[in-house]
N, C-alpha and C. Protein backbone atom coordinates (compact mmCIF):
# COMPACT_ATOMS: atom_id res chain seq x y z
N MET A 1 -17.26 -22.30 -16.24
CA MET A 1 -17.95 -21.62 -15.31
C MET A 1 -18.71 -22.62 -14.47
N GLU A 2 -18.66 -22.39 -13.16
CA GLU A 2 -19.33 -23.30 -12.27
C GLU A 2 -20.73 -22.86 -11.93
N LEU A 3 -21.65 -23.77 -11.94
CA LEU A 3 -23.06 -23.47 -11.73
C LEU A 3 -23.31 -23.50 -10.14
N VAL A 4 -24.02 -22.44 -9.73
CA VAL A 4 -24.19 -22.22 -8.32
C VAL A 4 -25.68 -22.10 -8.12
N LYS A 5 -26.17 -22.63 -6.94
CA LYS A 5 -27.54 -22.53 -6.64
C LYS A 5 -27.80 -20.96 -6.46
N ILE A 6 -29.06 -20.50 -6.83
CA ILE A 6 -29.34 -19.12 -6.68
C ILE A 6 -29.33 -18.76 -5.24
N GLU A 7 -29.73 -19.62 -4.27
CA GLU A 7 -29.59 -19.17 -2.94
C GLU A 7 -28.23 -18.85 -2.44
N GLN A 8 -27.23 -19.52 -3.03
CA GLN A 8 -25.88 -19.14 -2.58
C GLN A 8 -25.45 -17.98 -3.19
N PHE A 9 -25.77 -17.72 -4.53
CA PHE A 9 -25.50 -16.44 -5.26
C PHE A 9 -26.05 -15.30 -4.69
N ALA A 10 -27.40 -15.28 -4.40
CA ALA A 10 -28.09 -14.17 -3.80
C ALA A 10 -28.07 -14.08 -2.30
N LYS A 11 -27.49 -15.09 -1.70
CA LYS A 11 -27.39 -15.10 -0.24
C LYS A 11 -28.86 -15.03 0.31
N VAL A 12 -29.82 -15.78 -0.21
CA VAL A 12 -31.22 -15.75 0.18
C VAL A 12 -31.20 -16.74 1.46
N GLU A 13 -31.95 -16.16 2.49
CA GLU A 13 -32.21 -17.01 3.66
C GLU A 13 -33.75 -17.03 3.84
N ALA A 14 -34.11 -18.08 4.32
CA ALA A 14 -35.61 -18.28 4.59
C ALA A 14 -36.03 -17.33 5.76
N ALA A 15 -37.24 -16.71 5.63
CA ALA A 15 -37.58 -15.87 6.74
C ALA A 15 -37.93 -16.59 8.06
N ASP A 16 -37.66 -15.95 9.18
CA ASP A 16 -37.86 -16.57 10.47
C ASP A 16 -39.22 -16.22 10.80
N VAL A 17 -40.19 -17.09 10.45
CA VAL A 17 -41.54 -16.74 10.70
C VAL A 17 -42.06 -16.85 12.14
N ASN A 18 -41.17 -17.34 13.04
CA ASN A 18 -41.53 -17.34 14.41
C ASN A 18 -40.76 -16.22 15.17
N GLY A 19 -39.98 -15.46 14.57
CA GLY A 19 -39.22 -14.50 15.42
C GLY A 19 -39.22 -13.10 14.78
N ALA A 20 -37.98 -12.68 14.64
CA ALA A 20 -37.60 -11.18 14.38
C ALA A 20 -38.32 -10.82 12.99
N ASP A 21 -38.35 -11.62 12.03
CA ASP A 21 -38.79 -11.16 10.75
C ASP A 21 -40.33 -10.91 10.87
N MET A 22 -40.96 -11.61 11.66
CA MET A 22 -42.44 -11.40 11.76
C MET A 22 -42.84 -10.24 12.63
N MET A 23 -41.92 -9.79 13.50
CA MET A 23 -42.19 -8.70 14.41
C MET A 23 -42.56 -7.42 13.63
N VAL A 24 -41.68 -7.08 12.62
CA VAL A 24 -42.08 -5.96 11.80
C VAL A 24 -43.41 -6.05 11.01
N ALA A 25 -43.62 -7.28 10.51
CA ALA A 25 -44.88 -7.44 9.66
C ALA A 25 -46.02 -7.27 10.69
N CYS A 26 -45.92 -7.82 11.83
CA CYS A 26 -47.04 -7.71 12.79
C CYS A 26 -47.31 -6.30 13.34
N CYS A 27 -46.16 -5.50 13.45
CA CYS A 27 -46.20 -4.19 13.93
C CYS A 27 -46.86 -3.31 12.71
N LEU A 28 -46.48 -3.52 11.51
CA LEU A 28 -47.10 -2.86 10.34
C LEU A 28 -48.58 -3.00 10.30
N ALA A 29 -48.98 -4.28 10.56
CA ALA A 29 -50.47 -4.53 10.61
C ALA A 29 -51.04 -3.82 11.66
N ALA A 30 -50.50 -3.88 12.82
CA ALA A 30 -51.09 -3.25 14.13
C ALA A 30 -51.03 -1.73 13.87
N ALA A 31 -49.91 -1.24 13.21
CA ALA A 31 -49.92 0.28 12.95
C ALA A 31 -50.98 0.69 12.03
N ALA A 32 -51.39 -0.06 11.02
CA ALA A 32 -52.36 0.21 10.18
C ALA A 32 -53.76 0.31 10.84
N ASP A 33 -53.85 -0.27 11.99
CA ASP A 33 -54.99 -0.09 12.90
C ASP A 33 -54.91 1.01 13.85
N GLY A 34 -53.70 1.68 13.81
CA GLY A 34 -53.63 2.87 14.81
C GLY A 34 -53.00 2.60 16.04
N ASP A 35 -52.39 1.40 16.26
CA ASP A 35 -51.76 1.07 17.53
C ASP A 35 -50.49 1.80 17.73
N ILE A 36 -50.54 2.64 18.80
CA ILE A 36 -49.38 3.54 19.02
C ILE A 36 -48.31 2.76 19.50
N ASN A 37 -48.36 1.66 20.28
CA ASN A 37 -47.19 0.79 20.66
C ASN A 37 -46.52 0.17 19.46
N ALA A 38 -47.32 -0.11 18.35
CA ALA A 38 -46.69 -0.65 17.12
C ALA A 38 -45.90 0.48 16.49
N TYR A 39 -46.38 1.64 16.52
CA TYR A 39 -45.57 2.78 15.99
C TYR A 39 -44.27 2.89 16.71
N TYR A 40 -44.35 2.90 17.98
CA TYR A 40 -43.17 2.95 18.79
C TYR A 40 -42.18 1.79 18.46
N ASP A 41 -42.71 0.60 18.40
CA ASP A 41 -41.89 -0.60 18.25
C ASP A 41 -41.18 -0.54 16.87
N LEU A 42 -41.94 0.11 15.91
CA LEU A 42 -41.29 0.23 14.43
C LEU A 42 -40.17 1.30 14.61
N GLY A 43 -40.30 2.37 15.38
CA GLY A 43 -39.35 3.41 15.48
C GLY A 43 -38.09 2.84 16.12
N VAL A 44 -38.35 1.95 17.15
CA VAL A 44 -37.18 1.33 17.71
C VAL A 44 -36.38 0.45 16.78
N ALA A 45 -37.22 -0.42 16.01
CA ALA A 45 -36.49 -1.31 14.98
C ALA A 45 -35.77 -0.50 13.97
N PHE A 46 -36.22 0.48 13.47
CA PHE A 46 -35.55 1.35 12.52
C PHE A 46 -34.38 2.06 13.03
N SER A 47 -34.50 2.52 14.28
CA SER A 47 -33.45 3.38 14.77
C SER A 47 -32.33 2.45 15.25
N THR A 48 -32.58 1.17 15.52
CA THR A 48 -31.45 0.39 15.93
C THR A 48 -31.01 -0.61 14.77
N GLY A 49 -31.79 -0.73 13.70
CA GLY A 49 -31.40 -1.65 12.67
C GLY A 49 -31.70 -3.09 13.06
N SER A 50 -32.66 -3.26 13.98
CA SER A 50 -32.97 -4.65 14.40
C SER A 50 -34.25 -5.23 13.73
N HIS A 51 -34.47 -6.51 14.16
CA HIS A 51 -35.67 -7.23 13.54
C HIS A 51 -35.71 -7.34 12.15
N GLY A 52 -34.51 -7.48 11.52
CA GLY A 52 -34.57 -7.61 10.01
C GLY A 52 -34.70 -6.38 9.13
N VAL A 53 -34.68 -5.25 9.83
CA VAL A 53 -34.71 -3.92 8.96
C VAL A 53 -33.36 -3.28 9.07
N ASP A 54 -33.04 -2.50 8.05
CA ASP A 54 -31.84 -1.75 8.10
C ASP A 54 -32.10 -0.50 9.00
N CYS A 55 -30.95 0.06 9.55
CA CYS A 55 -31.04 1.26 10.29
C CYS A 55 -31.40 2.40 9.31
N ASP A 56 -32.55 3.16 9.63
CA ASP A 56 -33.11 4.12 8.81
C ASP A 56 -33.69 5.15 9.68
N MET A 57 -32.90 6.27 9.91
CA MET A 57 -33.32 7.22 10.89
C MET A 57 -34.58 8.01 10.33
N ILE A 58 -34.70 8.21 9.14
CA ILE A 58 -35.89 8.85 8.59
C ILE A 58 -37.09 8.02 8.90
N GLU A 59 -37.10 6.70 8.60
CA GLU A 59 -38.25 5.95 8.99
C GLU A 59 -38.42 5.85 10.59
N ALA A 60 -37.41 5.78 11.31
CA ALA A 60 -37.44 5.82 12.64
C ALA A 60 -38.20 7.02 13.24
N HIS A 61 -37.79 8.19 12.74
CA HIS A 61 -38.29 9.37 13.06
C HIS A 61 -39.81 9.49 12.72
N LYS A 62 -40.13 8.93 11.66
CA LYS A 62 -41.52 8.89 11.16
C LYS A 62 -42.29 8.22 12.15
N TRP A 63 -41.95 6.94 12.54
CA TRP A 63 -42.77 6.09 13.46
C TRP A 63 -42.73 6.67 14.78
N PHE A 64 -41.65 7.28 15.39
CA PHE A 64 -41.64 7.89 16.69
C PHE A 64 -42.61 9.12 16.59
N ASN A 65 -42.54 9.82 15.51
CA ASN A 65 -43.36 10.99 15.41
C ASN A 65 -44.96 10.61 15.55
N LEU A 66 -45.30 9.51 14.81
CA LEU A 66 -46.57 9.06 14.79
C LEU A 66 -47.04 8.67 16.24
N ALA A 67 -46.22 7.90 16.92
CA ALA A 67 -46.43 7.52 18.25
C ALA A 67 -46.59 8.62 19.23
N ALA A 68 -45.63 9.61 19.10
CA ALA A 68 -45.57 10.82 19.90
C ALA A 68 -46.88 11.59 19.81
N SER A 69 -47.22 11.74 18.52
CA SER A 69 -48.45 12.52 18.15
C SER A 69 -49.75 11.91 18.83
N LYS A 70 -49.68 10.68 19.15
CA LYS A 70 -50.90 10.03 19.77
C LYS A 70 -50.65 10.02 21.31
N GLY A 71 -49.64 10.52 21.82
CA GLY A 71 -49.51 10.51 23.29
C GLY A 71 -48.50 9.62 23.89
N HIS A 72 -47.68 8.97 23.06
CA HIS A 72 -46.57 7.96 23.51
C HIS A 72 -45.45 8.70 23.97
N GLU A 73 -45.33 8.82 25.42
CA GLU A 73 -44.28 9.64 26.04
C GLU A 73 -42.76 9.33 25.63
N ALA A 74 -42.57 7.95 25.72
CA ALA A 74 -41.21 7.46 25.33
C ALA A 74 -40.82 7.79 23.93
N ALA A 75 -41.81 7.72 23.01
CA ALA A 75 -41.64 8.12 21.61
C ALA A 75 -41.07 9.43 21.39
N SER A 76 -41.70 10.40 22.15
CA SER A 76 -41.23 11.83 22.01
C SER A 76 -39.80 11.98 22.32
N TRP A 77 -39.33 11.28 23.47
CA TRP A 77 -38.08 11.31 23.89
C TRP A 77 -37.11 10.74 22.80
N CYS A 78 -37.55 9.62 22.23
CA CYS A 78 -36.68 9.01 21.20
C CYS A 78 -36.65 9.88 19.98
N ARG A 79 -37.77 10.45 19.47
CA ARG A 79 -37.72 11.27 18.35
C ARG A 79 -36.72 12.42 18.55
N ALA A 80 -36.91 13.07 19.78
CA ALA A 80 -35.90 14.16 20.07
C ALA A 80 -34.50 13.76 20.00
N ASP A 81 -34.19 12.47 20.59
CA ASP A 81 -32.80 11.88 20.60
C ASP A 81 -32.25 11.75 19.19
N ILE A 82 -32.99 11.12 18.42
CA ILE A 82 -32.54 10.77 17.00
C ILE A 82 -32.49 12.12 16.10
N SER A 83 -33.36 13.14 16.49
CA SER A 83 -33.33 14.31 15.76
C SER A 83 -31.99 14.99 15.79
N ASP A 84 -31.27 14.91 16.89
CA ASP A 84 -29.93 15.46 17.01
C ASP A 84 -28.93 14.86 15.95
N GLU A 85 -29.29 13.67 15.48
CA GLU A 85 -28.31 13.05 14.48
C GLU A 85 -28.71 13.25 13.04
N MET A 86 -29.92 14.04 12.87
CA MET A 86 -30.49 14.19 11.49
C MET A 86 -30.36 15.60 11.03
N THR A 87 -30.35 15.69 9.70
CA THR A 87 -30.31 17.06 9.10
C THR A 87 -31.79 17.54 9.08
N ALA A 88 -31.92 18.81 8.82
CA ALA A 88 -33.31 19.44 8.64
C ALA A 88 -34.03 18.75 7.49
N ARG A 89 -33.37 18.50 6.51
CA ARG A 89 -33.85 17.92 5.28
C ARG A 89 -34.47 16.47 5.47
N GLU A 90 -33.63 15.78 6.37
CA GLU A 90 -34.08 14.36 6.78
C GLU A 90 -35.34 14.39 7.70
N ILE A 91 -35.29 15.28 8.58
CA ILE A 91 -36.47 15.51 9.45
C ILE A 91 -37.79 15.93 8.74
N SER A 92 -37.54 16.73 7.67
CA SER A 92 -38.53 17.23 6.89
C SER A 92 -39.18 16.14 6.09
N GLU A 93 -38.38 15.21 5.63
CA GLU A 93 -38.78 13.88 4.90
C GLU A 93 -39.49 12.99 5.76
N ALA A 94 -39.03 12.93 6.94
CA ALA A 94 -39.66 11.97 8.03
C ALA A 94 -41.05 12.55 8.29
N GLN A 95 -41.20 13.82 8.47
CA GLN A 95 -42.52 14.42 8.63
C GLN A 95 -43.37 14.24 7.57
N ARG A 96 -42.95 14.30 6.32
CA ARG A 96 -43.70 14.09 5.13
C ARG A 96 -44.13 12.77 5.04
N ARG A 97 -43.37 11.75 5.35
CA ARG A 97 -43.79 10.44 5.39
C ARG A 97 -44.91 10.09 6.42
N ALA A 98 -44.65 10.79 7.55
CA ALA A 98 -45.76 10.59 8.61
C ALA A 98 -47.09 11.16 8.26
N ARG A 99 -47.10 12.34 7.53
CA ARG A 99 -48.28 12.86 7.03
C ARG A 99 -48.95 11.98 6.01
N GLU A 100 -48.01 11.41 5.13
CA GLU A 100 -48.49 10.50 4.09
C GLU A 100 -49.20 9.33 4.72
N TRP A 101 -48.53 8.72 5.70
CA TRP A 101 -49.09 7.51 6.42
C TRP A 101 -50.46 7.77 7.08
N LEU A 102 -50.56 8.98 7.62
CA LEU A 102 -51.85 9.38 8.12
C LEU A 102 -52.91 9.54 7.04
N ARG A 103 -52.56 10.21 6.05
CA ARG A 103 -53.50 10.51 4.98
C ARG A 103 -53.93 9.21 4.26
N THR A 104 -52.99 8.28 3.97
CA THR A 104 -53.42 7.02 3.33
C THR A 104 -54.23 6.06 4.32
N GLY A 105 -53.88 6.16 5.58
CA GLY A 105 -54.50 5.47 6.57
C GLY A 105 -55.98 5.91 6.78
N THR A 106 -56.24 7.21 6.69
CA THR A 106 -57.56 7.81 6.89
C THR A 106 -58.39 7.46 5.55
N SER A 107 -57.81 7.38 4.43
CA SER A 107 -58.54 7.03 3.19
C SER A 107 -58.87 5.60 3.16
N ARG A 108 -57.96 4.74 3.74
CA ARG A 108 -58.28 3.30 3.85
C ARG A 108 -59.52 3.06 4.78
N ALA A 109 -59.59 3.80 5.91
CA ALA A 109 -60.50 3.69 6.86
C ALA A 109 -61.87 4.05 6.31
N ALA A 110 -61.95 4.99 5.44
CA ALA A 110 -63.22 5.60 4.94
C ALA A 110 -63.90 4.77 3.89
């Protein structure tokens, strides 16, 4: 049996701390402070599978929903657009996650 470096076996790559990998981390930090543009940017990332995240329509809907609820007009259009590709159960889960985000955010701020 040939020994292989763990990096080759697990296909581990270093994080791009100057680019795409940091965008999601920065947006999550800004979202925790209630930044509606960060909510929108996270929705875009999850709906397109960009910036180092997998495409996840439930997460995308959650972030678009949060942004739209705070008045972000483009987010409401994006939420409606991806809703056409989702089941009622997926939309319900996205809404549950959005409520959970708001609930935990409120308790963090208190």
